[in-house]
């Protein structure tokens, strides 16, 4: 049960931070109780298109009721980075009523492991999603491999797997993906990727629309960089960061 002072505070915060369909609560540290209070305020949640809850000390205890709410009928962009929602929170998000309206989901730095990552990429609800950020979550090869085959994510344009405990194994699956053909921006940096990963990407026949590729702090070697630079599959590449 949320106490009255907390409800009043969240109501004031809403009035201060809501503008033109965006509720910007980044770094407000409202916690799970504050999020619960937000879900109880009168009206206007159905007007929110962009919800930024980055860095708010949230756990699965707040993420689950958020994901279960039916009031975010226009939500398009959800930023939950730098919290601790974990696998339980990620699994709840995969079933959220608003998942089908999202075009962007950012859950960076949230202690999400393979179970949570797999729940998200196995969901059939994210068919409008264009941006998926899993940065700094150890979701591993299982998650990236499953995503590469998941037909529900065919509209992705931007994919961020920075420091997510992936290896050459999942990159080989990614390079053959017939689902992720629309991806233009791909971040694979700070993972244990070796020459085989670079050669697999260089030989892709499907990921041919990539304009930005980030693979710095990996182990692909100069030979890997050369293979990507010379690959005809990357004719649209505009930004390449390897160091």
Protein backbone atom coordinates (compact mmCIF):
# COMPACT_ATOMS: atom_id res chain seq x y z
CA UNK A 1 0.00 0.00 0.00
CA UNK A 2 1.46 3.34 -1.05
CA UNK A 3 1.22 6.03 1.59
CA UNK A 4 -0.45 9.38 0.89
CA UNK A 5 2.73 11.54 0.99
CA UNK A 6 4.33 9.30 -1.64
CA UNK A 7 1.24 9.52 -3.86
CA UNK A 8 1.20 13.29 -3.53
CA UNK A 9 4.91 13.49 -4.36
CA UNK A 10 4.57 11.33 -7.47
CA UNK A 11 1.56 13.37 -8.62
CA UNK A 12 3.62 16.57 -8.32
CA UNK A 13 6.53 14.91 -10.10
CA UNK A 14 4.23 13.84 -12.91
CA UNK A 15 2.98 17.39 -13.40
CA UNK A 16 6.54 18.73 -13.45
CA UNK A 17 8.01 16.08 -15.77
CA UNK A 18 5.24 15.27 -18.24
CA UNK A 19 5.34 17.19 -21.51
CA UNK A 20 4.04 16.46 -25.00
CA UNK A 21 3.53 12.76 -24.43
CA UNK A 22 6.87 12.24 -22.65
CA UNK A 23 7.37 11.50 -18.97
CA UNK A 24 11.03 12.08 -18.14
CA UNK A 25 11.87 10.60 -14.74
CA UNK A 26 15.51 9.74 -15.37
CA UNK A 27 17.56 9.81 -12.19
CA UNK A 28 14.66 10.63 -9.90
CA UNK A 29 15.32 7.49 -7.80
CA UNK A 30 11.64 6.93 -7.12
CA UNK A 31 12.13 3.23 -6.33
CA UNK A 32 9.58 0.46 -6.54
CA UNK A 33 7.17 2.25 -4.21
CA UNK A 34 7.33 5.39 -6.32
CA UNK A 35 6.61 3.40 -9.46
CA UNK A 36 3.68 1.75 -7.72
CA UNK A 37 2.40 5.22 -6.85
CA UNK A 38 2.83 6.33 -10.47
CA UNK A 39 0.66 3.44 -11.62
CA UNK A 40 -2.08 4.63 -9.26
CA UNK A 41 -2.29 8.30 -10.25
CA UNK A 42 -5.49 9.58 -11.77
CA UNK A 43 -5.65 9.68 -15.57
CA UNK A 44 -3.15 10.63 -18.25
CA UNK A 45 -1.01 7.48 -18.22
CA UNK A 46 -2.75 6.63 -21.46
CA UNK A 47 -1.24 9.80 -22.98
CA UNK A 48 2.36 8.69 -22.40
CA UNK A 49 4.29 7.77 -25.55
CA UNK A 50 7.81 8.00 -24.08
CA UNK A 51 8.54 6.83 -20.53
CA UNK A 52 12.04 7.29 -19.12
CA UNK A 53 12.61 5.44 -15.85
CA UNK A 54 16.39 5.22 -16.18
CA UNK A 55 18.31 5.09 -12.90
CA UNK A 56 15.42 4.86 -10.46
CA UNK A 57 16.45 2.03 -8.10
CA UNK A 58 13.84 -0.27 -9.61
CA UNK A 59 13.73 -4.02 -9.11
CA UNK A 60 11.39 -6.73 -10.37
CA UNK A 61 9.00 -5.65 -7.62
CA UNK A 62 8.36 -2.46 -9.57
CA UNK A 63 8.87 -3.87 -13.06
CA UNK A 64 6.23 -6.56 -12.71
CA UNK A 65 3.28 -4.25 -11.89
CA UNK A 66 4.52 -1.84 -14.57
CA UNK A 67 4.48 -4.65 -17.11
CA UNK A 68 1.04 -5.77 -16.00
CA UNK A 69 -0.53 -2.32 -16.31
CA UNK A 70 -3.13 -1.89 -19.05
CA UNK A 71 -3.06 1.90 -18.87
CA UNK A 72 -0.10 2.60 -21.20
CA UNK A 73 -2.09 2.26 -24.39
CA UNK A 74 0.07 4.69 -26.43
CA UNK A 75 3.50 3.76 -25.08
CA UNK A 76 6.15 3.66 -27.83
CA UNK A 77 9.48 4.08 -26.05
CA UNK A 78 10.42 2.62 -22.68
CA UNK A 79 13.76 3.38 -21.04
CA UNK A 80 14.52 1.24 -17.99
CA UNK A 81 18.32 1.37 -18.01
CA UNK A 82 20.53 1.34 -14.92
CA UNK A 83 18.08 -0.41 -12.63
CA UNK A 84 18.00 -3.98 -11.31
CA UNK A 85 14.87 -5.58 -12.73
CA UNK A 86 16.67 -8.89 -13.32
CA UNK A 87 15.24 -11.93 -15.06
CA UNK A 88 11.91 -11.68 -13.26
CA UNK A 89 11.38 -8.13 -14.53
CA UNK A 90 12.46 -9.02 -18.07
CA UNK A 91 10.12 -12.01 -18.16
CA UNK A 92 7.24 -9.76 -17.07
CA UNK A 93 8.07 -7.18 -19.77
CA UNK A 94 7.93 -9.89 -22.43
CA UNK A 95 4.25 -10.35 -21.55
CA UNK A 96 3.33 -6.67 -21.11
CA UNK A 97 0.09 -5.47 -22.74
CA UNK A 98 2.01 -2.51 -24.18
CA UNK A 99 4.74 -4.66 -25.78
CA UNK A 100 2.89 -4.57 -29.07
CA UNK A 101 3.04 -0.76 -29.30
CA UNK A 102 6.72 -0.34 -28.40
CA UNK A 103 9.19 0.80 -31.04
CA UNK A 104 12.07 1.12 -28.54
CA UNK A 105 13.03 -0.89 -25.47
CA UNK A 106 16.14 0.02 -23.49
CA UNK A 107 16.97 -2.23 -20.54
CA UNK A 108 20.74 -1.69 -20.29
CA UNK A 109 22.49 -2.44 -16.93
CA UNK A 110 19.68 -4.44 -15.34
CA UNK A 111 21.20 -7.74 -14.17
CA UNK A 112 19.30 -9.62 -16.86
CA UNK A 113 20.72 -13.06 -17.61
CA UNK A 114 19.95 -15.71 -20.24
CA UNK A 115 16.49 -16.51 -18.84
CA UNK A 116 15.35 -12.90 -19.03
CA UNK A 117 17.02 -12.30 -22.38
CA UNK A 118 15.43 -15.40 -23.88
CA UNK A 119 12.01 -14.37 -22.58
CA UNK A 120 12.27 -11.04 -24.38
CA UNK A 121 13.48 -12.38 -27.72
CA UNK A 122 11.05 -15.30 -27.67
CA UNK A 123 8.09 -12.96 -27.23
CA UNK A 124 5.81 -12.60 -30.23
CA UNK A 125 4.50 -9.27 -28.97
CA UNK A 126 7.39 -6.97 -30.00
CA UNK A 127 6.55 -6.96 -33.71
CA UNK A 128 6.82 -3.15 -33.97
CA UNK A 129 10.12 -2.88 -32.12
CA UNK A 130 12.83 -0.99 -34.01
CA UNK A 131 15.40 -0.45 -31.24
CA UNK A 132 16.48 -3.08 -28.70
CA UNK A 133 19.18 -2.27 -26.15
CA UNK A 134 20.42 -5.14 -23.97
CA UNK A 135 23.79 -3.52 -23.23
CA UNK A 136 25.65 -4.61 -20.08
CA UNK A 137 23.39 -7.58 -19.33
CA UNK A 138 24.99 -11.07 -19.42
CA UNK A 139 22.29 -12.54 -21.65
CA UNK A 140 24.81 -14.62 -23.57
CA UNK A 141 24.91 -16.54 -26.82
CA UNK A 142 21.54 -18.19 -26.25
CA UNK A 143 19.76 -14.86 -26.41
CA UNK A 144 21.47 -13.50 -29.52
CA UNK A 145 21.11 -16.81 -31.37
CA UNK A 146 17.40 -16.98 -30.54
CA UNK A 147 16.88 -13.35 -31.57
CA UNK A 148 18.54 -13.99 -34.93
CA UNK A 149 15.85 -16.58 -35.65
CA UNK A 150 12.86 -14.84 -34.05
CA UNK A 151 10.51 -13.64 -36.79
CA UNK A 152 8.78 -11.22 -34.41
CA UNK A 153 11.78 -8.88 -34.54
CA UNK A 154 11.93 -8.33 -38.29
CA UNK A 155 11.48 -4.56 -37.89
CA UNK A 156 14.62 -4.01 -35.79
CA UNK A 157 16.83 -1.17 -37.05
CA UNK A 158 19.14 -0.81 -34.07
CA UNK A 159 20.53 -3.65 -31.97
CA UNK A 160 22.83 -3.14 -28.98
CA UNK A 161 24.57 -6.21 -27.51
CA UNK A 162 27.50 -4.30 -25.97
CA UNK A 163 29.17 -6.40 -23.26
CA UNK A 164 26.52 -9.09 -23.09
CA UNK A 165 28.76 -12.18 -22.73
CA UNK A 166 28.37 -13.25 -26.37
CA UNK A 167 31.05 -15.15 -28.32
CA UNK A 168 31.81 -16.25 -31.87
CA UNK A 169 29.14 -18.96 -31.51
CA UNK A 170 26.18 -16.58 -31.65
CA UNK A 171 27.82 -14.24 -34.16
CA UNK A 172 27.90 -17.14 -36.63
CA UNK A 173 24.14 -17.52 -36.17
CA UNK A 174 23.60 -13.76 -36.40
CA UNK A 175 25.52 -13.58 -39.69
CA UNK A 176 23.06 -16.03 -41.25
CA UNK A 177 19.94 -14.33 -39.89
CA UNK A 178 17.13 -13.90 -42.39
CA UNK A 179 15.11 -12.00 -39.77
CA UNK A 180 17.37 -9.03 -39.00
CA UNK A 181 17.77 -7.76 -42.56
CA UNK A 182 16.65 -4.23 -41.64
CA UNK A 183 19.29 -3.69 -38.94
CA UNK A 184 21.38 -0.61 -39.69
CA UNK A 185 23.14 -0.03 -36.38
CA UNK A 186 24.83 -2.95 -34.63
CA UNK A 187 26.83 -2.74 -31.39
CA UNK A 188 28.79 -5.88 -30.48
CA UNK A 189 31.62 -4.18 -28.58
CA UNK A 190 33.36 -5.48 -25.46
CA UNK A 191 32.57 -9.13 -25.99
CA UNK A 192 34.89 -12.12 -26.42
CA UNK A 193 34.80 -12.09 -30.21
CA UNK A 194 37.69 -13.47 -32.24
CA UNK A 195 38.67 -13.66 -35.89
CA UNK A 196 35.96 -16.24 -36.63
CA UNK A 197 33.28 -13.72 -35.62
CA UNK A 198 34.63 -11.10 -37.99
CA UNK A 199 34.93 -13.58 -40.86
CA UNK A 200 31.35 -14.74 -40.30
CA UNK A 201 30.05 -11.19 -40.42
CA UNK A 202 32.16 -10.40 -43.47
CA UNK A 203 30.55 -13.31 -45.26
CA UNK A 204 26.95 -12.45 -44.39
CA UNK A 205 24.43 -12.50 -47.22
CA UNK A 206 21.59 -10.99 -45.18
CA UNK A 207 22.94 -8.24 -42.88
CA UNK A 208 23.68 -5.99 -45.82
CA UNK A 209 22.02 -2.77 -44.62
CA UNK A 210 24.39 -2.09 -41.73
CA UNK A 211 25.60 1.51 -41.60
CA UNK A 212 27.16 1.52 -38.12
CA UNK A 213 29.18 -1.38 -36.70
CA UNK A 214 30.84 -1.20 -33.28
CA UNK A 215 33.22 -4.04 -32.38
CA UNK A 216 35.85 -2.31 -30.27
CA UNK A 217 37.53 -4.06 -27.31
CA UNK A 218 37.22 -7.48 -28.93
CA UNK A 219 39.82 -9.97 -30.18
CA UNK A 220 39.04 -9.96 -33.90
CA UNK A 221 42.60 -8.87 -34.84
CA UNK A 222 43.70 -6.79 -37.82
CA UNK A 223 42.78 -9.67 -40.14
CA UNK A 224 39.19 -9.43 -38.90
CA UNK A 225 39.06 -5.70 -39.44
CA UNK A 226 40.44 -6.15 -42.95
CA UNK A 227 37.85 -8.81 -43.78
CA UNK A 228 34.98 -6.55 -42.75
CA UNK A 229 36.36 -3.51 -44.54
CA UNK A 230 36.78 -5.48 -47.76
CA UNK A 231 33.46 -7.29 -47.54
CA UNK A 232 30.94 -6.45 -50.28
CA UNK A 233 28.22 -7.18 -47.73
CA UNK A 234 29.12 -3.95 -45.93
CA UNK A 235 28.81 -1.61 -48.90
CA UNK A 236 26.49 0.65 -46.86
CA UNK A 237 28.86 0.94 -43.90
CA UNK A 238 29.45 4.53 -42.79
CA UNK A 239 30.81 4.09 -39.26
CA UNK A 240 33.15 1.32 -38.15
CA UNK A 241 34.74 1.41 -34.70
CA UNK A 242 37.17 -1.38 -33.87
CA UNK A 243 39.51 0.28 -31.38
